[in-house]
Amino acid sequence: MSATIIAPRPALARGTRHDGTRARRRRALVWVATHALAIALALMFLAPIGFIALTALMTDQQALTSDLWPRSWSWENFAAVFEKSMLLRWAGNTLMYAALGTLFTVVSSVPVAYALARFRFRGRRAAFLLVVTTMMLPPQVVAVPIYLVWARLGLTDSLWPLILPLVLGDAFSIFLLRQFLLTIPRDYIDAAKVDGCSDLRTLLKVVLPMARPAVAAVALFQFFYCWNDYYGPLLYAGVEQQNLTLSLGLATFKAFHSVQWNLTMAATLLVTAPVIIVFFFAQRVFIEGVTLTGVKG
């Protein structure tokens, strides 16, 4: 009776696993070396956010020391911010300002940008130069006469003096949209005209779907500007707590709790979190619109 002997191959299996592990480590080291500068810059930008988050979870006493790591996690600091401030009311005011401002800016700037990019009329370049010139005018220069106008209309101590002017468009948004619309081939517009489309229908059915990245970029720019605006609410919102926005309310909260750095950092984290979340989900279309790439499809 003969017996069949099967030779084991543990050494080969171990060698294959070790070779695979070494290859993965080598690829990881190469990736880190290739992106070393980007990793260093990312850590540099994330360090302040990490410091704010860690300080927000400290106690009052530890927040005044040089410690960088909380001895005990004080999650109740976030609840204390809501108890000691009108954060929800400020968030509602800011959301109203940002949402209406973004809507009015997009609706009013798109037709102007389309006209400056595609229509041929006398004075078109002068009109575009006037739009660009308004971007160079500091808002502080015209703050006093504009404030007097809104005061006579009885709209001060509110956010309406900041929202209503956006019905007439925004210079930067018009400029950005015009530059993008110039990259759209005119053949698409001519084809729509041949099919019998009016200028308005051509804009809505042909141009806007192709200019979606630029419109999204303009909307995000305006939303972030309104959300972070400090000068405008400081000028028009007044001194009543219920009229403040998040940026102005955060400054007021810091003034009342100047020695409670844990509460100040917790409020700062709550104010900045929505903007970070919005940008995280919209970064692809935002970057695509900013780079002003050509037409898709």
C-alpha atoms as a PDB file:
ATOM      1  CA  MET A   1       0.000   0.000   0.000  1.00  0.00           C
ATOM      2  CA  SER A   2       1.562   3.278  -1.101  1.00  0.00           C
ATOM      3  CA  ALA A   3       0.939   6.595   0.643  1.00  0.00           C
ATOM      4  CA  THR A   4       0.754   9.945  -1.105  1.00  0.00           C
ATOM      5  CA  ILE A   5       2.714  12.648   0.650  1.00  0.00           C
ATOM      6  CA  ILE A   6       1.562  16.249   0.087  1.00  0.00           C
ATOM      7  CA  ALA A   7       4.291  18.730   0.816  1.00  0.00           C
ATOM      8  CA  PRO A   8       3.044  21.746   2.796  1.00  0.00           C
ATOM      9  CA  ARG A   9       3.752  25.248   1.501  1.00  0.00           C
ATOM     10  CA  PRO A  10       3.621  27.493   4.565  1.00  0.00           C
ATOM     11  CA  ALA A  11       6.855  29.261   3.710  1.00  0.00           C
ATOM     12  CA  LEU A  12       5.558  30.311   0.296  1.00  0.00           C
ATOM     13  CA  ALA A  13       2.268  31.568   1.759  1.00  0.00           C
ATOM     14  CA  ARG A  14       4.073  33.535   4.459  1.00  0.00           C
ATOM     15  CA  GLY A  15       6.436  34.961   1.880  1.00  0.00           C
ATOM     16  CA  THR A  16       3.527  36.048  -0.329  1.00  0.00           C
ATOM     17  CA  ARG A  17       1.810  37.777   2.584  1.00  0.00           C
ATOM     18  CA  HIS A  18       5.024  39.517   3.604  1.00  0.00           C
ATOM     19  CA  ASP A  19       5.629  40.662   0.041  1.00  0.00           C
ATOM     20  CA  GLY A  20       2.082  42.039  -0.158  1.00  0.00           C
ATOM     21  CA  THR A  21       2.495  43.851   3.184  1.00  0.00           C
ATOM     22  CA  ARG A  22       5.791  45.364   2.110  1.00  0.00           C
ATOM     23  CA  ALA A  23       4.254  46.492  -1.191  1.00  0.00           C
ATOM     24  CA  ARG A  24       1.361  48.201   0.600  1.00  0.00           C
ATOM     25  CA  ARG A  25       3.739  49.924   3.007  1.00  0.00           C
ATOM     26  CA  ARG A  26       5.904  51.041   0.115  1.00  0.00           C
ATOM     27  CA  ARG A  27       2.884  52.480  -1.708  1.00  0.00           C
ATOM     28  CA  ALA A  28       1.733  54.245   1.465  1.00  0.00           C
ATOM     29  CA  LEU A  29       5.187  55.782   2.004  1.00  0.00           C
ATOM     30  CA  VAL A  30       5.341  56.900  -1.616  1.00  0.00           C
ATOM     31  CA  TRP A  31       1.876  58.472  -1.319  1.00  0.00           C
ATOM     32  CA  VAL A  32       2.865  60.315   1.880  1.00  0.00           C
ATOM     33  CA  ALA A  33       6.117  61.541   0.313  1.00  0.00           C
ATOM     34  CA  THR A  34       4.295  62.714  -2.825  1.00  0.00           C
ATOM     35  CA  HIS A  35       1.639  64.608  -0.882  1.00  0.00           C
ATOM     36  CA  ALA A  36       3.833  65.764   2.016  1.00  0.00           C
ATOM     37  CA  LEU A  37       3.320  69.466   1.295  1.00  0.00           C
ATOM     38  CA  ALA A  38      -0.463  69.068   0.947  1.00  0.00           C
ATOM     39  CA  ILE A  39      -0.626  67.058   4.187  1.00  0.00           C
ATOM     40  CA  ALA A  40       1.398  69.703   6.038  1.00  0.00           C
ATOM     41  CA  LEU A  41      -0.859  72.504   4.758  1.00  0.00           C
ATOM     42  CA  ALA A  42      -3.986  70.514   5.656  1.00  0.00           C
ATOM     43  CA  LEU A  43      -2.728  70.000   9.207  1.00  0.00           C
ATOM     44  CA  MET A  44      -1.857  73.683   9.416  1.00  0.00           C
ATOM     45  CA  PHE A  45      -5.414  74.684   8.470  1.00  0.00           C
ATOM     46  CA  LEU A  46      -7.063  72.005  10.646  1.00  0.00           C
ATOM     47  CA  ALA A  47      -5.021  72.826  13.753  1.00  0.00           C
ATOM     48  CA  PRO A  48      -7.081  75.935  14.719  1.00  0.00           C
ATOM     49  CA  ILE A  49     -10.336  73.999  14.286  1.00  0.00           C
ATOM     50  CA  GLY A  50      -8.966  71.211  16.470  1.00  0.00           C
ATOM     51  CA  PHE A  51      -7.888  73.737  19.097  1.00  0.00           C
ATOM     52  CA  ILE A  52     -11.363  75.319  19.096  1.00  0.00           C
ATOM     53  CA  ALA A  53     -13.058  71.924  19.426  1.00  0.00           C
ATOM     54  CA  LEU A  54     -10.801  70.793  22.304  1.00  0.00           C
ATOM     55  CA  THR A  55     -11.158  74.108  24.159  1.00  0.00           C
ATOM     56  CA  ALA A  56     -14.941  73.933  23.755  1.00  0.00           C
ATOM     57  CA  LEU A  57     -14.938  70.655  25.700  1.00  0.00           C
ATOM     58  CA  MET A  58     -12.903  71.956  28.653  1.00  0.00           C
ATOM     59  CA  THR A  59     -14.118  73.308  31.978  1.00  0.00           C
ATOM     60  CA  ASP A  60     -13.989  77.009  32.816  1.00  0.00           C
ATOM     61  CA  GLN A  61     -10.836  76.607  34.905  1.00  0.00           C
ATOM     62  CA  GLN A  62      -8.940  74.420  32.444  1.00  0.00           C
ATOM     63  CA  ALA A  63      -9.779  76.707  29.500  1.00  0.00           C
ATOM     64  CA  LEU A  64      -7.686  79.438  31.177  1.00  0.00           C
ATOM     65  CA  THR A  65      -4.617  77.183  31.440  1.00  0.00           C
ATOM     66  CA  SER A  66      -2.092  76.128  28.802  1.00  0.00           C
ATOM     67  CA  ASP A  67      -3.503  72.587  28.564  1.00  0.00           C
ATOM     68  CA  LEU A  68      -4.292  71.381  25.070  1.00  0.00           C
ATOM     69  CA  TRP A  69      -6.261  68.236  25.976  1.00  0.00           C
ATOM     70  CA  PRO A  70      -9.414  68.251  28.142  1.00  0.00           C
ATOM     71  CA  ARG A  71      -9.075  66.490  31.498  1.00  0.00           C
ATOM     72  CA  SER A  72     -12.819  65.871  31.447  1.00  0.00           C
ATOM     73  CA  TRP A  73     -15.162  66.159  28.475  1.00  0.00           C
ATOM     74  CA  SER A  74     -17.670  68.942  29.215  1.00  0.00           C
ATOM     75  CA  TRP A  75     -20.319  68.353  26.570  1.00  0.00           C
ATOM     76  CA  GLU A  76     -22.722  70.507  28.550  1.00  0.00           C
ATOM     77  CA  ASN A  77     -20.905  73.610  27.262  1.00  0.00           C
ATOM     78  CA  PHE A  78     -22.881  73.422  24.036  1.00  0.00           C
ATOM     79  CA  ALA A  79     -26.170  73.332  25.930  1.00  0.00           C
ATOM     80  CA  ALA A  80     -24.978  76.285  28.025  1.00  0.00           C
ATOM     81  CA  VAL A  81     -24.472  78.342  24.882  1.00  0.00           C
ATOM     82  CA  PHE A  82     -28.152  77.936  23.965  1.00  0.00           C
ATOM     83  CA  GLU A  83     -29.201  78.761  27.522  1.00  0.00           C
ATOM     84  CA  LYS A  84     -27.102  81.921  27.788  1.00  0.00           C
ATOM     85  CA  SER A  85     -27.781  83.352  24.330  1.00  0.00           C
ATOM     86  CA  MET A  86     -30.452  83.672  21.644  1.00  0.00           C
ATOM     87  CA  LEU A  87     -28.486  81.424  19.294  1.00  0.00           C
ATOM     88  CA  LEU A  88     -31.548  79.896  17.626  1.00  0.00           C
ATOM     89  CA  ARG A  89     -33.025  83.348  16.947  1.00  0.00           C
ATOM     90  CA  TRP A  90     -29.694  84.539  15.553  1.00  0.00           C
ATOM     91  CA  ALA A  91     -29.498  81.444  13.370  1.00  0.00           C
ATOM     92  CA  GLY A  92     -33.011  82.124  12.039  1.00  0.00           C
ATOM     93  CA  ASN A  93     -32.131  85.727  11.197  1.00  0.00           C
ATOM     94  CA  THR A  94     -28.920  84.645   9.486  1.00  0.00           C
ATOM     95  CA  LEU A  95     -30.676  81.913   7.527  1.00  0.00           C
ATOM     96  CA  MET A  96     -33.327  84.359   6.334  1.00  0.00           C
ATOM     97  CA  TYR A  97     -30.656  86.862   5.313  1.00  0.00           C
ATOM     98  CA  ALA A  98     -28.525  84.229   3.540  1.00  0.00           C
ATOM     99  CA  ALA A  99     -31.423  82.420   1.828  1.00  0.00           C
ATOM    100  CA  LEU A 100     -33.249  85.500   0.539  1.00  0.00           C
ATOM    101  CA  GLY A 101     -29.995  87.226  -0.365  1.00  0.00           C
ATOM    102  CA  THR A 102     -28.818  84.221  -2.353  1.00  0.00           C
ATOM    103  CA  LEU A 103     -32.169  83.821  -4.113  1.00  0.00           C
ATOM    104  CA  PHE A 104     -32.414  87.488  -5.074  1.00  0.00           C
ATOM    105  CA  THR A 105     -28.786  87.582  -6.220  1.00  0.00           C
ATOM    106  CA  VAL A 106     -29.091  84.573  -8.506  1.00  0.00           C
ATOM    107  CA  VAL A 107     -32.461  85.563  -9.989  1.00  0.00           C
ATOM    108  CA  SER A 108     -31.374  89.144 -10.724  1.00  0.00           C
ATOM    109  CA  SER A 109     -27.757  88.527 -11.782  1.00  0.00           C
ATOM    110  CA  VAL A 110     -28.320  85.750 -14.324  1.00  0.00           C
ATOM    111  CA  PRO A 111     -30.344  87.865 -16.847  1.00  0.00           C
ATOM    112  CA  VAL A 112     -27.887  90.762 -16.577  1.00  0.00           C
ATOM    113  CA  ALA A 113     -24.901  88.480 -17.114  1.00  0.00           C
ATOM    114  CA  TYR A 114     -26.633  86.814 -20.066  1.00  0.00           C
ATOM    115  CA  ALA A 115     -27.365  90.174 -21.672  1.00  0.00           C
ATOM    116  CA  LEU A 116     -23.784  91.385 -21.219  1.00  0.00           C
ATOM    117  CA  ALA A 117     -22.385  88.121 -22.577  1.00  0.00           C
ATOM    118  CA  ARG A 118     -24.622  87.464 -25.595  1.00  0.00           C
ATOM    119  CA  PHE A 119     -26.543  90.569 -26.638  1.00  0.00           C
ATOM    120  CA  ARG A 120     -25.034  93.104 -29.019  1.00  0.00           C
ATOM    121  CA  PHE A 121     -26.127  96.649 -28.177  1.00  0.00           C
ATOM    122  CA  ARG A 122     -24.596 100.079 -28.009  1.00  0.00           C
ATOM    123  CA  GLY A 123     -22.918 100.783 -24.686  1.00  0.00           C
ATOM    124  CA  ARG A 124     -22.498  97.125 -23.737  1.00  0.00           C
ATOM    125  CA  ARG A 125     -18.822  97.523 -22.854  1.00  0.00           C
ATOM    126  CA  ALA A 126     -19.517 100.701 -20.924  1.00  0.00           C
ATOM    127  CA  ALA A 127     -22.228  98.892 -18.935  1.00  0.00           C
ATOM    128  CA  PHE A 128     -19.876  96.018 -18.169  1.00  0.00           C
ATOM    129  CA  LEU A 129     -17.147  98.479 -17.141  1.00  0.00           C
ATOM    130  CA  LEU A 130     -19.635 100.174 -14.814  1.00  0.00           C
ATOM    131  CA  VAL A 131     -20.466  96.824 -13.207  1.00  0.00           C
ATOM    132  CA  VAL A 132     -16.781  96.039 -12.681  1.00  0.00           C
ATOM    133  CA  THR A 133     -16.162  99.524 -11.292  1.00  0.00           C
ATOM    134  CA  THR A 134     -18.759  99.060  -8.567  1.00  0.00           C
ATOM    135  CA  MET A 135     -16.709  96.136  -7.221  1.00  0.00           C
ATOM    136  CA  MET A 136     -13.826  98.534  -6.557  1.00  0.00           C
ATOM    137  CA  LEU A 137     -15.956 100.901  -4.496  1.00  0.00           C
ATOM    138  CA  PRO A 138     -15.592 100.227  -0.735  1.00  0.00           C
ATOM    139  CA  PRO A 139     -18.976  99.966   1.009  1.00  0.00           C
ATOM    140  CA  GLN A 140     -17.799 102.361   3.731  1.00  0.00           C
ATOM    141  CA  VAL A 141     -17.649 105.201   1.197  1.00  0.00           C
ATOM    142  CA  VAL A 142     -21.400 105.200   0.566  1.00  0.00           C
ATOM    143  CA  ALA A 143     -22.459 103.902   3.992  1.00  0.00           C
ATOM    144  CA  VAL A 144     -23.713 107.237   5.356  1.00  0.00           C
ATOM    145  CA  PRO A 145     -25.986 108.337   2.452  1.00  0.00           C
ATOM    146  CA  ILE A 146     -27.377 104.834   2.008  1.00  0.00           C
ATOM    147  CA  TYR A 147     -28.077 104.587   5.745  1.00  0.00           C
ATOM    148  CA  LEU A 148     -29.938 107.898   5.639  1.00  0.00           C
ATOM    149  CA  VAL A 149     -32.103 106.626   2.787  1.00  0.00           C
ATOM    150  CA  TRP A 150     -33.066 103.469   4.685  1.00  0.00           C
ATOM    151  CA  ALA A 151     -33.633 105.480   7.866  1.00  0.00           C
ATOM    152  CA  ARG A 152     -36.138 107.729   6.071  1.00  0.00           C
ATOM    153  CA  LEU A 153     -37.894 104.619   4.796  1.00  0.00           C
ATOM    154  CA  GLY A 154     -38.105 103.322   8.379  1.00  0.00           C
ATOM    155  CA  LEU A 155     -36.312 100.051   7.626  1.00  0.00           C
ATOM    156  CA  THR A 156     -33.371 100.385   9.987  1.00  0.00           C
ATOM    157  CA  ASP A 157     -33.084  98.099  13.025  1.00  0.00           C
ATOM    158  CA  SER A 158     -33.745  95.201  10.660  1.00  0.00           C
ATOM    159  CA  LEU A 159     -31.976  93.165   7.983  1.00  0.00           C
ATOM    160  CA  TRP A 160     -34.092  94.413   5.075  1.00  0.00           C
ATOM    161  CA  PRO A 161     -31.589  97.138   4.060  1.00  0.00           C
ATOM    162  CA  LEU A 162     -29.149  94.278   3.421  1.00  0.00           C
ATOM    163  CA  ILE A 163     -31.603  91.999   1.591  1.00  0.00           C
ATOM    164  CA  LEU A 164     -33.575  94.368  -0.661  1.00  0.00           C
ATOM    165  CA  PRO A 165     -30.583  95.818  -2.603  1.00  0.00           C
ATOM    166  CA  LEU A 166     -29.744  92.297  -3.796  1.00  0.00           C
ATOM    167  CA  VAL A 167     -32.945  92.361  -5.868  1.00  0.00           C
ATOM    168  CA  LEU A 168     -30.956  94.562  -8.273  1.00  0.00           C
ATOM    169  CA  GLY A 169     -28.100  92.076  -8.570  1.00  0.00           C
ATOM    170  CA  ASP A 170     -24.539  91.811  -7.332  1.00  0.00           C
ATOM    171  CA  ALA A 171     -21.528  93.071  -9.294  1.00  0.00           C
ATOM    172  CA  PHE A 172     -19.236  90.140  -8.522  1.00  0.00           C
ATOM    173  CA  SER A 173     -21.948  87.596  -9.336  1.00  0.00           C
ATOM    174  CA  ILE A 174     -22.691  89.313 -12.653  1.00  0.00           C
ATOM    175  CA  PHE A 175     -19.000  89.342 -13.543  1.00  0.00           C
ATOM    176  CA  LEU A 176     -18.497  85.682 -12.672  1.00  0.00           C
ATOM    177  CA  LEU A 177     -21.599  84.536 -14.549  1.00  0.00           C
ATOM    178  CA  ARG A 178     -20.736  86.600 -17.622  1.00  0.00           C
ATOM    179  CA  GLN A 179     -17.263  85.097 -17.831  1.00  0.00           C
ATOM    180  CA  PHE A 180     -18.757  81.611 -17.718  1.00  0.00           C
ATOM    181  CA  LEU A 181     -21.500  82.346 -20.242  1.00  0.00           C
ATOM    182  CA  LEU A 182     -18.886  83.525 -22.720  1.00  0.00           C
ATOM    183  CA  THR A 183     -17.490  79.974 -22.793  1.00  0.00           C
ATOM    184  CA  ILE A 184     -20.796  78.513 -24.019  1.00  0.00           C
ATOM    185  CA  PRO A 185     -20.691  78.055 -27.805  1.00  0.00           C
ATOM    186  CA  ARG A 186     -23.064  80.356 -29.606  1.00  0.00           C
ATOM    187  CA  ASP A 187     -24.226  77.458 -31.805  1.00  0.00           C
ATOM    188  CA  TYR A 188     -26.469  76.222 -28.988  1.00  0.00           C
ATOM    189  CA  ILE A 189     -28.180  79.610 -28.721  1.00  0.00           C
ATOM    190  CA  ASP A 190     -28.535  79.963 -32.489  1.00  0.00           C
ATOM    191  CA  ALA A 191     -30.083  76.489 -32.688  1.00  0.00           C
ATOM    192  CA  ALA A 192     -32.623  77.434 -30.046  1.00  0.00           C
ATOM    193  CA  LYS A 193     -33.483  80.619 -31.942  1.00  0.00           C
ATOM    194  CA  VAL A 194     -33.971  78.609 -35.137  1.00  0.00           C
ATOM    195  CA  ASP A 195     -36.404  76.354 -33.267  1.00  0.00           C
ATOM    196  CA  GLY A 196     -38.435  79.411 -32.353  1.00  0.00           C
ATOM    197  CA  CYS A 197     -37.321  79.972 -28.749  1.00  0.00           C
ATOM    198  CA  SER A 198     -37.530  83.468 -27.351  1.00  0.00           C
ATOM    199  CA  ASP A 199     -34.620  85.021 -25.467  1.00  0.00           C
ATOM    200  CA  LEU A 200     -36.194  84.183 -22.118  1.00  0.00           C
ATOM    201  CA  ARG A 201     -36.906  80.572 -23.087  1.00  0.00           C
ATOM    202  CA  THR A 202     -33.393  80.203 -24.504  1.00  0.00           C
ATOM    203  CA  LEU A 203     -31.997  81.418 -21.211  1.00  0.00           C
ATOM    204  CA  LEU A 204     -34.150  79.086 -19.133  1.00  0.00           C
ATOM    205  CA  LYS A 205     -34.073  75.959 -21.297  1.00  0.00           C
ATOM    206  CA  VAL A 206     -30.630  76.081 -22.927  1.00  0.00           C
ATOM    207  CA  VAL A 207     -28.236  78.407 -21.126  1.00  0.00           C
ATOM    208  CA  LEU A 208     -29.106  77.798 -17.483  1.00  0.00           C
ATOM    209  CA  PRO A 209     -28.705  73.984 -17.570  1.00  0.00           C
ATOM    210  CA  MET A 210     -25.278  74.425 -19.155  1.00  0.00           C
ATOM    211  CA  ALA A 211     -24.307  77.179 -16.689  1.00  0.00           C
ATOM    212  CA  ARG A 212     -25.370  75.200 -13.618  1.00  0.00           C
ATOM    213  CA  PRO A 213     -21.827  75.001 -12.115  1.00  0.00           C
ATOM    214  CA  ALA A 214     -21.366  78.771 -12.364  1.00  0.00           C
ATOM    215  CA  VAL A 215     -24.816  79.439 -10.880  1.00  0.00           C
ATOM    216  CA  ALA A 216     -24.052  77.053  -8.011  1.00  0.00           C
ATOM    217  CA  ALA A 217     -20.706  78.775  -7.384  1.00  0.00           C
ATOM    218  CA  VAL A 218     -22.365  82.197  -7.325  1.00  0.00           C
ATOM    219  CA  ALA A 219     -25.068  80.926  -4.962  1.00  0.00           C
ATOM    220  CA  LEU A 220     -22.481  79.471  -2.577  1.00  0.00           C
ATOM    221  CA  PHE A 221     -20.356  82.619  -2.687  1.00  0.00           C
ATOM    222  CA  GLN A 222     -23.356  84.765  -1.825  1.00  0.00           C
ATOM    223  CA  PHE A 223     -24.613  82.371   0.846  1.00  0.00           C
ATOM    224  CA  PHE A 224     -21.231  82.304   2.584  1.00  0.00           C
ATOM    225  CA  TYR A 225     -20.929  86.080   2.334  1.00  0.00           C
ATOM    226  CA  CYS A 226     -24.339  86.672   3.911  1.00  0.00           C
ATOM    227  CA  TRP A 227     -23.745  84.025   6.570  1.00  0.00           C
ATOM    228  CA  ASN A 228     -20.418  85.571   7.632  1.00  0.00           C
ATOM    229  CA  ASP A 229     -21.362  89.223   7.111  1.00  0.00           C
ATOM    230  CA  TYR A 230     -20.498  91.337  10.124  1.00  0.00           C
ATOM    231  CA  TYR A 231     -20.317  94.911   8.859  1.00  0.00           C
ATOM    232  CA  GLY A 232     -23.822  95.029   7.395  1.00  0.00           C
ATOM    233  CA  PRO A 233     -25.698  93.709  10.459  1.00  0.00           C
ATOM    234  CA  LEU A 234     -23.534  95.901  12.695  1.00  0.00           C
ATOM    235  CA  LEU A 235     -24.730  98.934  10.730  1.00  0.00           C
ATOM    236  CA  TYR A 236     -28.421  98.100  10.332  1.00  0.00           C
ATOM    237  CA  ALA A 237     -29.478  95.446  12.852  1.00  0.00           C
ATOM    238  CA  GLY A 238     -29.452  97.800  15.836  1.00  0.00           C
ATOM    239  CA  VAL A 239     -28.858  96.850  19.450  1.00  0.00           C
ATOM    240  CA  GLU A 240     -31.813  94.553  20.035  1.00  0.00           C
ATOM    241  CA  GLN A 241     -30.701  90.946  20.625  1.00  0.00           C
ATOM    242  CA  GLN A 242     -33.528  89.481  18.557  1.00  0.00           C
ATOM    243  CA  ASN A 243     -32.351  91.362  15.442  1.00  0.00           C
ATOM    244  CA  LEU A 244     -28.749  90.113  15.487  1.00  0.00           C
ATOM    245  CA  THR A 245     -27.169  87.626  13.120  1.00  0.00           C
ATOM    246  CA  LEU A 246     -24.762  84.855  14.110  1.00  0.00           C
ATOM    247  CA  SER A 247     -21.588  86.797  13.373  1.00  0.00           C
ATOM    248  CA  LEU A 248     -22.733  89.852  15.309  1.00  0.00           C
ATOM    249  CA  GLY A 249     -24.315  87.743  18.038  1.00  0.00           C
ATOM    250  CA  LEU A 250     -21.092  85.770  18.462  1.00  0.00           C
ATOM    251  CA  ALA A 251     -19.173  89.003  19.036  1.00  0.00           C
ATOM    252  CA  THR A 252     -21.771  90.065  21.605  1.00  0.00           C
ATOM    253  CA  PHE A 253     -21.613  86.660  23.292  1.00  0.00           C
ATOM    254  CA  LYS A 254     -17.805  86.900  23.514  1.00  0.00           C
ATOM    255  CA  ALA A 255     -18.060  90.342  25.103  1.00  0.00           C
ATOM    256  CA  PHE A 256     -20.398  89.027  27.827  1.00  0.00           C
ATOM    257  CA  HIS A 257     -18.361  85.838  28.432  1.00  0.00           C
ATOM    258  CA  SER A 258     -14.845  87.104  27.838  1.00  0.00           C
ATOM    259  CA  VAL A 259     -13.266  84.886  30.523  1.00  0.00           C
ATOM    260  CA  GLN A 260     -15.266  81.753  29.672  1.00  0.00           C
ATOM    261  CA  TRP A 261     -13.235  80.681  26.676  1.00  0.00           C
ATOM    262  CA  ASN A 262     -14.798  77.231  26.639  1.00  0.00           C
ATOM    263  CA  LEU A 263     -18.256  78.728  26.026  1.00  0.00           C
ATOM    264  CA  THR A 264     -16.896  81.162  23.453  1.00  0.00           C
ATOM    265  CA  MET A 265     -15.211  78.330  21.554  1.00  0.00           C
ATOM    266  CA  ALA A 266     -18.347  76.200  21.763  1.00  0.00           C
ATOM    267  CA  ALA A 267     -20.407  79.054  20.292  1.00  0.00           C
ATOM    268  CA  THR A 268     -17.796  79.557  17.568  1.00  0.00           C
ATOM    269  CA  LEU A 269     -17.958  75.874  16.651  1.00  0.00           C
ATOM    270  CA  LEU A 270     -21.753  75.965  16.452  1.00  0.00           C
ATOM    271  CA  VAL A 271     -21.674  79.044  14.218  1.00  0.00           C
ATOM    272  CA  THR A 272     -19.086  77.696  11.777  1.00  0.00           C
ATOM    273  CA  ALA A 273     -20.399  74.107  11.602  1.00  0.00           C
ATOM    274  CA  PRO A 274     -23.268  74.807   9.116  1.00  0.00           C
ATOM    275  CA  VAL A 275     -20.923  76.531   6.652  1.00  0.00           C
ATOM    276  CA  ILE A 276     -18.442  73.652   6.800  1.00  0.00           C
ATOM    277  CA  ILE A 277     -21.222  71.105   6.264  1.00  0.00           C
ATOM    278  CA  VAL A 278     -22.664  73.006   3.294  1.00  0.00           C
ATOM    279  CA  PHE A 279     -19.262  73.334   1.643  1.00  0.00           C
ATOM    280  CA  PHE A 280     -18.452  69.667   2.279  1.00  0.00           C
ATOM    281  CA  PHE A 281     -21.515  68.500   0.366  1.00  0.00           C
ATOM    282  CA  ALA A 282     -21.284  71.146  -2.377  1.00  0.00           C
ATOM    283  CA  GLN A 283     -17.527  71.316  -2.895  1.00  0.00           C
ATOM    284  CA  ARG A 284     -17.536  69.427  -6.205  1.00  0.00           C
ATOM    285  CA  VAL A 285     -19.970  71.728  -7.980  1.00  0.00           C
ATOM    286  CA  PHE A 286     -18.409  74.731  -6.221  1.00  0.00           C
ATOM    287  CA  ILE A 287     -14.896  73.977  -7.495  1.00  0.00           C
ATOM    288  CA  GLU A 288     -16.261  73.126 -10.932  1.00  0.00           C
ATOM    289  CA  GLY A 289     -17.976  76.494 -11.155  1.00  0.00           C
ATOM    290  CA  VAL A 290     -15.017  78.495  -9.840  1.00  0.00           C
ATOM    291  CA  THR A 291     -12.607  76.980 -12.333  1.00  0.00           C
ATOM    292  CA  LEU A 292     -14.979  78.110 -15.109  1.00  0.00           C
ATOM    293  CA  THR A 293     -14.514  75.015 -17.203  1.00  0.00           C
ATOM    294  CA  GLY A 294     -16.116  74.681 -20.633  1.00  0.00           C
ATOM    295  CA  VAL A 295     -19.426  73.188 -21.590  1.00  0.00           C
ATOM    296  CA  LYS A 296     -20.284  69.594 -20.734  1.00  0.00           C
ATOM    297  CA  GLY A 297     -22.001  67.285 -23.170  1.00  0.00           C
END
